[in-house]
PDB file of all heavy atoms in Angstrom:
ATOM      1  N   ALA A   1       0.860  -1.181  -0.014  1.00  0.00           N
ATOM      2  CA  ALA A   1       0.006  -0.009   0.006  1.00  0.00           C
ATOM      3  C   ALA A   1       0.872   1.243  -0.007  1.00  0.00           C
ATOM      4  O   ALA A   1       2.116   1.147   0.270  1.00  0.00           O
ATOM      5  CB  ALA A   1      -0.898  -0.012   1.216  1.00  0.00           C
ATOM      6  N   PRO A   2       0.353   2.414  -0.266  1.00  0.00           N
ATOM      7  CA  PRO A   2       1.122   3.656  -0.262  1.00  0.00           C
ATOM      8  C   PRO A   2       1.433   4.127   1.187  1.00  0.00           C
ATOM      9  O   PRO A   2       0.795   5.050   1.715  1.00  0.00           O
ATOM     10  CB  PRO A   2       0.250   4.657  -1.002  1.00  0.00           C
ATOM     11  CG  PRO A   2      -1.136   4.197  -0.806  1.00  0.00           C
ATOM     12  CD  PRO A   2      -1.008   2.675  -0.767  1.00  0.00           C
ATOM     13  N   TYR A   3       2.348   3.434   1.826  1.00  0.00           N
ATOM     14  CA  TYR A   3       2.648   3.648   3.230  1.00  0.00           C
ATOM     15  C   TYR A   3       4.144   3.624   3.434  1.00  0.00           C
ATOM     16  O   TYR A   3       4.881   2.849   2.832  1.00  0.00           O
ATOM     17  CB  TYR A   3       1.992   2.436   3.993  1.00  0.00           C
ATOM     18  CG  TYR A   3       2.462   2.339   5.445  1.00  0.00           C
ATOM     19  CD1 TYR A   3       1.789   2.992   6.496  1.00  0.00           C
ATOM     20  CD2 TYR A   3       3.486   1.477   5.775  1.00  0.00           C
ATOM     21  CE1 TYR A   3       2.184   2.820   7.806  1.00  0.00           C
ATOM     22  CE2 TYR A   3       3.899   1.351   7.083  1.00  0.00           C
ATOM     23  CZ  TYR A   3       3.259   1.973   8.092  1.00  0.00           C
ATOM     24  OH  TYR A   3       3.639   1.824   9.365  1.00  0.00           O
ATOM     25  N   ARG A   4       4.634   4.521   4.320  1.00  0.00           N
ATOM     26  CA  ARG A   4       6.059   4.584   4.579  1.00  0.00           C
ATOM     27  C   ARG A   4       6.319   5.080   6.020  1.00  0.00           C
ATOM     28  O   ARG A   4       5.508   5.852   6.567  1.00  0.00           O
ATOM     29  CB  ARG A   4       6.750   5.518   3.586  1.00  0.00           C
ATOM     30  CG  ARG A   4       8.264   5.405   3.547  1.00  0.00           C
ATOM     31  CD  ARG A   4       8.731   4.058   3.063  1.00  0.00           C
ATOM     32  NE  ARG A   4      10.148   4.002   2.800  1.00  0.00           N
ATOM     33  CZ  ARG A   4      11.085   3.617   3.698  1.00  0.00           C
ATOM     34  NH1 ARG A   4      10.756   3.402   4.938  1.00  0.00           N
ATOM     35  NH2 ARG A   4      12.336   3.525   3.336  1.00  0.00           N
ATOM     36  N   VAL A   5       7.410   4.658   6.602  1.00  0.00           N
ATOM     37  CA  VAL A   5       7.839   5.150   7.895  1.00  0.00           C
ATOM     38  C   VAL A   5       9.309   5.521   7.753  1.00  0.00           C
ATOM     39  O   VAL A   5      10.124   4.785   7.162  1.00  0.00           O
ATOM     40  CB  VAL A   5       7.703   4.116   8.984  1.00  0.00           C
ATOM     41  CG1 VAL A   5       8.335   4.567  10.295  1.00  0.00           C
ATOM     42  CG2 VAL A   5       6.232   3.784   9.200  1.00  0.00           C
ATOM     43  N   TYR A   6       9.679   6.727   8.301  1.00  0.00           N
ATOM     44  CA  TYR A   6      11.074   7.168   8.326  1.00  0.00           C
ATOM     45  C   TYR A   6      11.532   7.606   9.688  1.00  0.00           C
ATOM     46  O   TYR A   6      10.713   8.222  10.441  1.00  0.00           O
ATOM     47  CB  TYR A   6      11.256   8.396   7.368  1.00  0.00           C
ATOM     48  CG  TYR A   6      11.182   8.115   5.894  1.00  0.00           C
ATOM     49  CD1 TYR A   6      10.085   8.509   5.165  1.00  0.00           C
ATOM     50  CD2 TYR A   6      12.231   7.492   5.217  1.00  0.00           C
ATOM     51  CE1 TYR A   6       9.987   8.275   3.818  1.00  0.00           C
ATOM     52  CE2 TYR A   6      12.170   7.264   3.841  1.00  0.00           C
ATOM     53  CZ  TYR A   6      11.017   7.679   3.156  1.00  0.00           C
ATOM     54  OH  TYR A   6      10.983   7.430   1.807  1.00  0.00           O
ATOM     55  N   ASN A   7      12.768   7.392  10.023  1.00  0.00           N
ATOM     56  CA  ASN A   7      13.398   8.005  11.169  1.00  0.00           C
ATOM     57  C   ASN A   7      13.855   9.418  10.746  1.00  0.00           C
ATOM     58  O   ASN A   7      14.333   9.640   9.652  1.00  0.00           O
ATOM     59  CB  ASN A   7      14.679   7.245  11.578  1.00  0.00           C
ATOM     60  CG  ASN A   7      14.375   5.932  12.184  1.00  0.00           C
ATOM     61  OD1 ASN A   7      13.324   5.672  12.801  1.00  0.00           O
ATOM     62  ND2 ASN A   7      15.312   4.961  12.086  1.00  0.00           N
ATOM     63  N   ILE A   8      13.665  10.355  11.670  1.00  0.00           N
ATOM     64  CA  ILE A   8      14.363  11.670  11.542  1.00  0.00           C
ATOM     65  C   ILE A   8      15.125  11.906  12.838  1.00  0.00           C
ATOM     66  O   ILE A   8      14.584  12.242  13.887  1.00  0.00           O
ATOM     67  CB  ILE A   8      13.363  12.830  11.276  1.00  0.00           C
ATOM     68  CG1 ILE A   8      12.573  12.579  10.015  1.00  0.00           C
ATOM     69  CG2 ILE A   8      14.165  14.127  11.143  1.00  0.00           C
ATOM     70  CD1 ILE A   8      11.726  13.751   9.566  1.00  0.00           C
ATOM     71  N   GLY A   9      16.433  11.638  12.777  1.00  0.00           N
ATOM     72  CA  GLY A   9      17.298  11.789  13.905  1.00  0.00           C
ATOM     73  C   GLY A   9      18.705  12.222  13.457  1.00  0.00           C
ATOM     74  O   GLY A   9      19.020  12.164  12.268  1.00  0.00           O
ATOM     75  N   ASN A  10      19.488  12.586  14.399  1.00  0.00           N
ATOM     76  CA  ASN A  10      20.872  13.113  14.118  1.00  0.00           C
ATOM     77  C   ASN A  10      21.916  12.045  13.924  1.00  0.00           C
ATOM     78  O   ASN A  10      22.985  12.348  13.471  1.00  0.00           O
ATOM     79  CB  ASN A  10      21.278  14.116  15.221  1.00  0.00           C
ATOM     80  CG  ASN A  10      22.197  15.185  14.722  1.00  0.00           C
ATOM     81  OD1 ASN A  10      22.006  15.722  13.655  1.00  0.00           O
ATOM     82  ND2 ASN A  10      23.162  15.526  15.495  1.00  0.00           N
ATOM     83  N   ASN A  11      21.592  10.788  14.340  1.00  0.00           N
ATOM     84  CA  ASN A  11      22.524   9.670  14.203  1.00  0.00           C
ATOM     85  C   ASN A  11      23.809   9.924  15.033  1.00  0.00           C
ATOM     86  O   ASN A  11      24.844   9.402  14.694  1.00  0.00           O
ATOM     87  CB  ASN A  11      22.821   9.390  12.732  1.00  0.00           C
ATOM     88  CG  ASN A  11      23.572   8.083  12.541  1.00  0.00           C
ATOM     89  OD1 ASN A  11      24.656   8.044  11.974  1.00  0.00           O
ATOM     90  ND2 ASN A  11      23.026   7.013  13.041  1.00  0.00           N
ATOM     91  N   GLN A  12      23.706  10.746  16.062  1.00  0.00           N
ATOM     92  CA  GLN A  12      24.859  11.080  16.901  1.00  0.00           C
ATOM     93  C   GLN A  12      24.403  11.142  18.355  1.00  0.00           C
ATOM     94  O   GLN A  12      24.222  12.225  18.931  1.00  0.00           O
ATOM     95  CB  GLN A  12      25.467  12.430  16.507  1.00  0.00           C
ATOM     96  CG  GLN A  12      26.029  12.473  15.087  1.00  0.00           C
ATOM     97  CD  GLN A  12      27.363  11.707  14.998  1.00  0.00           C
ATOM     98  OE1 GLN A  12      28.084  11.556  15.929  1.00  0.00           O
ATOM     99  NE2 GLN A  12      27.622  11.219  13.776  1.00  0.00           N
ATOM    100  N   PRO A  13      24.190  10.025  19.027  1.00  0.00           N
ATOM    101  CA  PRO A  13      23.716  10.038  20.416  1.00  0.00           C
ATOM    102  C   PRO A  13      24.685  10.830  21.329  1.00  0.00           C
ATOM    103  O   PRO A  13      25.941  10.739  21.196  1.00  0.00           O
ATOM    104  CB  PRO A  13      23.672   8.561  20.818  1.00  0.00           C
ATOM    105  CG  PRO A  13      23.614   7.822  19.515  1.00  0.00           C
ATOM    106  CD  PRO A  13      24.370   8.650  18.542  1.00  0.00           C
ATOM    107  N   VAL A  14      24.094  11.552  22.261  1.00  0.00           N
ATOM    108  CA  VAL A  14      24.871  12.393  23.184  1.00  0.00           C
ATOM    109  C   VAL A  14      24.506  12.023  24.623  1.00  0.00           C
ATOM    110  O   VAL A  14      23.314  11.899  24.927  1.00  0.00           O
ATOM    111  CB  VAL A  14      24.575  13.911  22.974  1.00  0.00           C
ATOM    112  CG1 VAL A  14      25.263  14.746  24.019  1.00  0.00           C
ATOM    113  CG2 VAL A  14      24.974  14.307  21.529  1.00  0.00           C
ATOM    114  N   GLU A  15      25.526  11.802  25.441  1.00  0.00           N
ATOM    115  CA  GLU A  15      25.236  11.517  26.848  1.00  0.00           C
ATOM    116  C   GLU A  15      24.652  12.749  27.519  1.00  0.00           C
ATOM    117  O   GLU A  15      25.002  13.873  27.202  1.00  0.00           O
ATOM    118  CB  GLU A  15      26.530  11.126  27.588  1.00  0.00           C
ATOM    119  CG  GLU A  15      26.994   9.708  27.267  1.00  0.00           C
ATOM    120  CD  GLU A  15      28.069   9.241  28.230  1.00  0.00           C
ATOM    121  OE1 GLU A  15      28.570  10.076  29.005  1.00  0.00           O
ATOM    122  OE2 GLU A  15      28.426   8.044  28.168  1.00  0.00           O
ATOM    123  N   LEU A  16      23.733  12.504  28.460  1.00  0.00           N
ATOM    124  CA  LEU A  16      23.120  13.625  29.181  1.00  0.00           C
ATOM    125  C   LEU A  16      24.123  14.458  29.885  1.00  0.00           C
ATOM    126  O   LEU A  16      24.029  15.691  30.044  1.00  0.00           O
ATOM    127  CB  LEU A  16      22.075  13.125  30.165  1.00  0.00           C
ATOM    128  CG  LEU A  16      20.750  12.606  29.585  1.00  0.00           C
ATOM    129  CD1 LEU A  16      19.768  12.281  30.681  1.00  0.00           C
ATOM    130  CD2 LEU A  16      20.133  13.607  28.620  1.00  0.00           C
ATOM    131  N   GLY A  17      25.203  13.792  30.360  1.00  0.00           N
ATOM    132  CA  GLY A  17      26.280  14.547  31.027  1.00  0.00           C
ATOM    133  C   GLY A  17      26.920  15.590  30.088  1.00  0.00           C
ATOM    134  O   GLY A  17      27.266  16.715  30.484  1.00  0.00           O
ATOM    135  N   ARG A  18      27.075  15.218  28.797  1.00  0.00           N
ATOM    136  CA  ARG A  18      27.596  16.128  27.812  1.00  0.00           C
ATOM    137  C   ARG A  18      26.610  17.308  27.549  1.00  0.00           C
ATOM    138  O   ARG A  18      27.043  18.435  27.451  1.00  0.00           O
ATOM    139  CB  ARG A  18      27.844  15.411  26.522  1.00  0.00           C
ATOM    140  CG  ARG A  18      28.232  16.274  25.323  1.00  0.00           C
ATOM    141  CD  ARG A  18      29.536  16.997  25.508  1.00  0.00           C
ATOM    142  NE  ARG A  18      29.966  17.720  24.318  1.00  0.00           N
ATOM    143  CZ  ARG A  18      30.752  18.766  24.303  1.00  0.00           C
ATOM    144  NH1 ARG A  18      31.259  19.218  25.459  1.00  0.00           N
ATOM    145  NH2 ARG A  18      31.081  19.384  23.183  1.00  0.00           N
ATOM    146  N   LEU A  19      25.341  17.019  27.469  1.00  0.00           N
ATOM    147  CA  LEU A  19      24.302  18.036  27.316  1.00  0.00           C
ATOM    148  C   LEU A  19      24.350  19.049  28.475  1.00  0.00           C
ATOM    149  O   LEU A  19      24.344  20.250  28.245  1.00  0.00           O
ATOM    150  CB  LEU A  19      22.947  17.413  27.216  1.00  0.00           C
ATOM    151  CG  LEU A  19      21.759  18.411  27.299  1.00  0.00           C
ATOM    152  CD1 LEU A  19      21.710  19.240  26.016  1.00  0.00           C
ATOM    153  CD2 LEU A  19      20.467  17.674  27.486  1.00  0.00           C
ATOM    154  N   ILE A  20      24.481  18.502  29.685  1.00  0.00           N
ATOM    155  CA  ILE A  20      24.510  19.411  30.862  1.00  0.00           C
ATOM    156  C   ILE A  20      25.736  20.310  30.842  1.00  0.00           C
ATOM    157  O   ILE A  20      25.686  21.513  31.092  1.00  0.00           O
ATOM    158  CB  ILE A  20      24.509  18.575  32.148  1.00  0.00           C
ATOM    159  CG1 ILE A  20      23.144  17.842  32.276  1.00  0.00           C
ATOM    160  CG2 ILE A  20      24.807  19.439  33.382  1.00  0.00           C
ATOM    161  CD1 ILE A  20      23.160  16.711  33.341  1.00  0.00           C
ATOM    162  N   ALA A  21      26.893  19.765  30.413  1.00  0.00           N
ATOM    163  CA  ALA A  21      28.123  20.546  30.290  1.00  0.00           C
ATOM    164  C   ALA A  21      27.956  21.678  29.288  1.00  0.00           C
ATOM    165  O   ALA A  21      28.409  22.788  29.517  1.00  0.00           O
ATOM    166  CB  ALA A  21      29.289  19.669  29.960  1.00  0.00           C
ATOM    167  N   LEU A  22      27.338  21.390  28.180  1.00  0.00           N
ATOM    168  CA  LEU A  22      27.116  22.410  27.125  1.00  0.00           C
ATOM    169  C   LEU A  22      26.164  23.487  27.651  1.00  0.00           C
ATOM    170  O   LEU A  22      26.379  24.677  27.376  1.00  0.00           O
ATOM    171  CB  LEU A  22      26.557  21.769  25.864  1.00  0.00           C
ATOM    172  CG  LEU A  22      27.549  20.886  25.088  1.00  0.00           C
ATOM    173  CD1 LEU A  22      26.781  20.134  23.968  1.00  0.00           C
ATOM    174  CD2 LEU A  22      28.646  21.749  24.459  1.00  0.00           C
ATOM    175  N   LEU A  23      25.120  23.137  28.350  1.00  0.00           N
ATOM    176  CA  LEU A  23      24.209  24.105  28.909  1.00  0.00           C
ATOM    177  C   LEU A  23      24.915  24.969  29.941  1.00  0.00           C
ATOM    178  O   LEU A  23      24.722  26.193  29.987  1.00  0.00           O
ATOM    179  CB  LEU A  23      23.005  23.414  29.563  1.00  0.00           C
ATOM    180  CG  LEU A  23      21.981  22.761  28.610  1.00  0.00           C
ATOM    181  CD1 LEU A  23      21.001  21.885  29.358  1.00  0.00           C
ATOM    182  CD2 LEU A  23      21.198  23.869  27.851  1.00  0.00           C
ATOM    183  N   GLU A  24      25.748  24.363  30.785  1.00  0.00           N
ATOM    184  CA  GLU A  24      26.478  25.143  31.814  1.00  0.00           C
ATOM    185  C   GLU A  24      27.406  26.141  31.105  1.00  0.00           C
ATOM    186  O   GLU A  24      27.462  27.297  31.535  1.00  0.00           O
ATOM    187  CB  GLU A  24      27.337  24.193  32.643  1.00  0.00           C
ATOM    188  CG  GLU A  24      26.526  23.310  33.585  1.00  0.00           C
ATOM    189  CD  GLU A  24      27.440  22.334  34.330  1.00  0.00           C
ATOM    190  OE1 GLU A  24      28.440  21.828  33.737  1.00  0.00           O
ATOM    191  OE2 GLU A  24      27.152  22.024  35.517  1.00  0.00           O
ATOM    192  N   ALA A  25      28.091  25.738  30.045  1.00  0.00           N
ATOM    193  CA  ALA A  25      28.988  26.630  29.309  1.00  0.00           C
ATOM    194  C   ALA A  25      28.235  27.799  28.673  1.00  0.00           C
ATOM    195  O   ALA A  25      28.615  28.969  28.769  1.00  0.00           O
ATOM    196  CB  ALA A  25      29.791  25.866  28.325  1.00  0.00           C
ATOM    197  N   ALA A  26      27.061  27.489  28.080  1.00  0.00           N
ATOM    198  CA  ALA A  26      26.297  28.496  27.393  1.00  0.00           C
ATOM    199  C   ALA A  26      25.645  29.488  28.326  1.00  0.00           C
ATOM    200  O   ALA A  26      25.526  30.670  28.076  1.00  0.00           O
ATOM    201  CB  ALA A  26      25.262  27.858  26.486  1.00  0.00           C
ATOM    202  N   LEU A  27      25.228  28.974  29.522  1.00  0.00           N
ATOM    203  CA  LEU A  27      24.577  29.812  30.508  1.00  0.00           C
ATOM    204  C   LEU A  27      25.568  30.476  31.486  1.00  0.00           C
ATOM    205  O   LEU A  27      25.193  31.401  32.148  1.00  0.00           O
ATOM    206  CB  LEU A  27      23.579  28.939  31.317  1.00  0.00           C
ATOM    207  CG  LEU A  27      22.373  28.452  30.534  1.00  0.00           C
ATOM    208  CD1 LEU A  27      21.651  27.339  31.320  1.00  0.00           C
ATOM    209  CD2 LEU A  27      21.378  29.599  30.283  1.00  0.00           C
ATOM    210  N   GLY A  28      26.760  30.007  31.470  1.00  0.00           N
ATOM    211  CA  GLY A  28      27.773  30.595  32.363  1.00  0.00           C
ATOM    212  C   GLY A  28      27.551  30.268  33.843  1.00  0.00           C
ATOM    213  O   GLY A  28      27.967  30.987  34.715  1.00  0.00           O
ATOM    214  N   ARG A  29      26.871  29.151  34.135  1.00  0.00           N
ATOM    215  CA  ARG A  29      26.580  28.749  35.465  1.00  0.00           C
ATOM    216  C   ARG A  29      26.768  27.257  35.625  1.00  0.00           C
ATOM    217  O   ARG A  29      26.502  26.505  34.660  1.00  0.00           O
ATOM    218  CB  ARG A  29      25.193  29.196  35.934  1.00  0.00           C
ATOM    219  CG  ARG A  29      24.928  30.643  35.610  1.00  0.00           C
ATOM    220  CD  ARG A  29      23.524  31.064  36.096  1.00  0.00           C
ATOM    221  NE  ARG A  29      23.143  32.336  35.581  1.00  0.00           N
ATOM    222  CZ  ARG A  29      22.117  33.043  35.964  1.00  0.00           C
ATOM    223  NH1 ARG A  29      21.327  32.584  36.927  1.00  0.00           N
ATOM    224  NH2 ARG A  29      21.813  34.234  35.389  1.00  0.00           N
ATOM    225  N   ARG A  30      27.076  26.765  36.861  1.00  0.00           N
ATOM    226  CA  ARG A  30      27.188  25.347  37.100  1.00  0.00           C
ATOM    227  C   ARG A  30      25.868  24.787  37.580  1.00  0.00           C
ATOM    228  O   ARG A  30      25.091  25.487  38.252  1.00  0.00           O
ATOM    229  CB  ARG A  30      28.282  25.106  38.130  1.00  0.00           C
ATOM    230  CG  ARG A  30      29.702  25.442  37.690  1.00  0.00           C
ATOM    231  CD  ARG A  30      30.119  24.649  36.477  1.00  0.00           C
ATOM    232  NE  ARG A  30      30.110  23.199  36.708  1.00  0.00           N
ATOM    233  CZ  ARG A  30      31.160  22.531  37.227  1.00  0.00           C
ATOM    234  NH1 ARG A  30      32.316  23.162  37.484  1.00  0.00           N
ATOM    235  NH2 ARG A  30      31.088  21.263  37.402  1.00  0.00           N
ATOM    236  N   ALA A  31      25.661  23.559  37.242  1.00  0.00           N
ATOM    237  CA  ALA A  31      24.434  22.849  37.686  1.00  0.00           C
ATOM    238  C   ALA A  31      24.696  22.033  38.950  1.00  0.00           C
ATOM    239  O   ALA A  31      25.756  21.424  39.080  1.00  0.00           O
ATOM    240  CB  ALA A  31      23.965  21.917  36.586  1.00  0.00           C
ATOM    241  N   GLU A  32      23.756  22.073  39.863  1.00  0.00           N
ATOM    242  CA  GLU A  32      23.781  21.190  41.027  1.00  0.00           C
ATOM    243  C   GLU A  32      23.060  19.875  40.622  1.00  0.00           C
ATOM    244  O   GLU A  32      21.861  19.947  40.301  1.00  0.00           O
ATOM    245  CB  GLU A  32      23.107  21.824  42.195  1.00  0.00           C
ATOM    246  CG  GLU A  32      23.092  20.924  43.430  1.00  0.00           C
ATOM    247  CD  GLU A  32      22.240  21.523  44.594  1.00  0.00           C
ATOM    248  OE1 GLU A  32      21.911  22.718  44.515  1.00  0.00           O
ATOM    249  OE2 GLU A  32      21.908  20.728  45.529  1.00  0.00           O
ATOM    250  N   GLN A  33      23.763  18.801  40.615  1.00  0.00           N
ATOM    251  CA  GLN A  33      23.203  17.556  40.060  1.00  0.00           C
ATOM    252  C   GLN A  33      22.818  16.578  41.223  1.00  0.00           C
ATOM    253  O   GLN A  33      23.615  16.312  42.107  1.00  0.00           O
ATOM    254  CB  GLN A  33      24.240  16.850  39.144  1.00  0.00           C
ATOM    255  CG  GLN A  33      24.596  17.770  37.974  1.00  0.00           C
ATOM    256  CD  GLN A  33      25.547  17.026  37.013  1.00  0.00           C
ATOM    257  OE1 GLN A  33      25.497  15.839  36.849  1.00  0.00           O
ATOM    258  NE2 GLN A  33      26.396  17.808  36.308  1.00  0.00           N
ATOM    259  N   ARG A  34      21.611  15.987  41.058  1.00  0.00           N
ATOM    260  CA  ARG A  34      21.147  14.947  42.000  1.00  0.00           C
ATOM    261  C   ARG A  34      21.033  13.690  41.177  1.00  0.00           C
ATOM    262  O   ARG A  34      20.243  13.625  40.207  1.00  0.00           O
ATOM    263  CB  ARG A  34      19.803  15.283  42.567  1.00  0.00           C
ATOM    264  CG  ARG A  34      19.830  16.511  43.521  1.00  0.00           C
ATOM    265  CD  ARG A  34      18.482  16.705  44.179  1.00  0.00           C
ATOM    266  NE  ARG A  34      17.371  16.847  43.271  1.00  0.00           N
ATOM    267  CZ  ARG A  34      16.182  17.367  43.578  1.00  0.00           C
ATOM    268  NH1 ARG A  34      15.938  17.745  44.803  1.00  0.00           N
ATOM    269  NH2 ARG A  34      15.239  17.489  42.668  1.00  0.00           N
ATOM    270  N   MET A  35      21.728  12.641  41.565  1.00  0.00           N
ATOM    271  CA  MET A  35      21.689  11.384  40.808  1.00  0.00           C
ATOM    272  C   MET A  35      20.441  10.579  41.148  1.00  0.00           C
ATOM    273  O   MET A  35      20.090  10.448  42.313  1.00  0.00           O
ATOM    274  CB  MET A  35      22.939  10.574  41.089  1.00  0.00           C
ATOM    275  CG  MET A  35      24.256  11.277  40.648  1.00  0.00           C
ATOM    276  SD  MET A  35      24.218  11.680  38.837  1.00  0.00           S
ATOM    277  CE  MET A  35      25.361  13.035  38.778  1.00  0.00           C
ATOM    278  N   ARG A  36      19.852  10.065  40.114  1.00  0.00           N
ATOM    279  CA  ARG A  36      18.573   9.333  40.275  1.00  0.00           C
ATOM    280  C   ARG A  36      18.643   8.029  39.417  1.00  0.00           C
ATOM    281  O   ARG A  36      19.340   8.013  38.371  1.00  0.00           O
ATOM    282  CB  ARG A  36      17.362  10.148  39.784  1.00  0.00           C
ATOM    283  CG  ARG A  36      17.123  11.393  40.648  1.00  0.00           C
ATOM    284  CD  ARG A  36      16.474  10.988  41.973  1.00  0.00           C
ATOM    285  NE  ARG A  36      15.977  12.114  42.711  1.00  0.00           N
ATOM    286  CZ  ARG A  36      16.612  12.662  43.749  1.00  0.00           C
ATOM    287  NH1 ARG A  36      17.765  12.150  44.168  1.00  0.00           N
ATOM    288  NH2 ARG A  36      16.067  13.691  44.384  1.00  0.00           N
ATOM    289  N   PRO A  37      17.888   6.998  39.801  1.00  0.00           N
ATOM    290  CA  PRO A  37      17.823   5.778  38.951  1.00  0.00           C
ATOM    291  C   PRO A  37      16.992   6.093  37.711  1.00  0.00           C
ATOM    292  O   PRO A  37      16.214   7.042  37.683  1.00  0.00           O
ATOM    293  CB  PRO A  37      17.153   4.800  39.887  1.00  0.00           C
ATOM    294  CG  PRO A  37      16.329   5.618  40.834  1.00  0.00           C
ATOM    295  CD  PRO A  37      17.146   6.854  41.064  1.00  0.00           C
ATOM    296  N   VAL A  38      17.126   5.245  36.718  1.00  0.00           N
ATOM    297  CA  VAL A  38      16.381   5.442  35.453  1.00  0.00           C
ATOM    298  C   VAL A  38      14.896   5.209  35.736  1.00  0.00           C
ATOM    299  O   VAL A  38      14.498   4.206  36.264  1.00  0.00           O
ATOM    300  CB  VAL A  38      16.880   4.418  34.391  1.00  0.00           C
ATOM    301  CG1 VAL A  38      16.045   4.594  33.120  1.00  0.00           C
ATOM    302  CG2 VAL A  38      18.318   4.627  34.108  1.00  0.00           C
ATOM    303  N   PRO A  39      14.030   6.177  35.340  1.00  0.00           N
ATOM    304  CA  PRO A  39      12.569   6.037  35.546  1.00  0.00           C
ATOM    305  C   PRO A  39      11.985   4.920  34.685  1.00  0.00           C
ATOM    306  O   PRO A  39      12.516   4.563  33.625  1.00  0.00           O
ATOM    307  CB  PRO A  39      12.043   7.398  35.112  1.00  0.00           C
ATOM    308  CG  PRO A  39      13.230   8.303  35.011  1.00  0.00           C
ATOM    309  CD  PRO A  39      14.381   7.416  34.688  1.00  0.00           C
ATOM    310  N   ALA A  40      10.843   4.423  35.100  1.00  0.00           N
ATOM    311  CA  ALA A  40      10.130   3.415  34.311  1.00  0.00           C
ATOM    312  C   ALA A  40       9.741   4.022  32.973  1.00  0.00           C
ATOM    313  O   ALA A  40       9.322   5.198  32.896  1.00  0.00           O
ATOM    314  CB  ALA A  40       8.889   2.954  35.091  1.00  0.00           C
ATOM    315  N   GLY A  41       9.860   3.249  31.915  1.00  0.00           N
ATOM    316  CA  GLY A  41       9.492   3.715  30.612  1.00  0.00           C
ATOM    317  C   GLY A  41      10.610   4.329  29.800  1.00  0.00           C
ATOM    318  O   GLY A  41      10.482   4.506  28.548  1.00  0.00           O
ATOM    319  N   ASP A  42      11.748   4.655  30.447  1.00  0.00           N
ATOM    320  CA  ASP A  42      12.871   5.224  29.750  1.00  0.00           C
ATOM    321  C   ASP A  42      13.798   4.130  29.204  1.00  0.00           C
ATOM    322  O   ASP A  42      13.793   2.991  29.732  1.00  0.00           O
ATOM    323  CB  ASP A  42      13.663   6.149  30.671  1.00  0.00           C
ATOM    324  CG  ASP A  42      13.085   7.551  30.737  1.00  0.00           C
ATOM    325  OD1 ASP A  42      11.896   7.685  30.450  1.00  0.00           O
ATOM    326  OD2 ASP A  42      13.850   8.483  31.102  1.00  0.00           O
ATOM    327  N   VAL A  43      14.525   4.470  28.178  1.00  0.00           N
ATOM    328  CA  VAL A  43      15.472   3.476  27.569  1.00  0.00           C
ATOM    329  C   VAL A  43      16.875   4.091  27.686  1.00  0.00           C
ATOM    330  O   VAL A  43      17.019   5.310  27.755  1.00  0.00           O
ATOM    331  CB  VAL A  43      15.112   3.144  26.090  1.00  0.00           C
ATOM    332  CG1 VAL A  43      13.790   2.495  25.968  1.00  0.00           C
ATOM    333  CG2 VAL A  43      15.106   4.429  25.208  1.00  0.00           C
ATOM    334  N   PRO A  44      17.912   3.252  27.673  1.00  0.00           N
ATOM    335  CA  PRO A  44      19.250   3.801  27.923  1.00  0.00           C
ATOM    336  C   PRO A  44      19.832   4.597  26.738  1.00  0.00           C
ATOM    337  O   PRO A  44      20.638   5.506  26.959  1.00  0.00           O
ATOM    338  CB  PRO A  44      20.119   2.499  28.157  1.00  0.00           C
ATOM    339  CG  PRO A  44      19.335   1.425  27.545  1.00  0.00           C
ATOM    340  CD  PRO A  44      17.880   1.799  27.706  1.00  0.00           C
TER     341      PRO A  44
END
């Protein structure tokens, strides 16, 4: 049938730690981090 599925992604996974560091640099402030276990429904 006339049906299609596509991914639209960057193909470059980034660790959340890296994202936080970039936000800290752009905002000029440090983050206070609280470590938590992975919530239900999330994937690694």
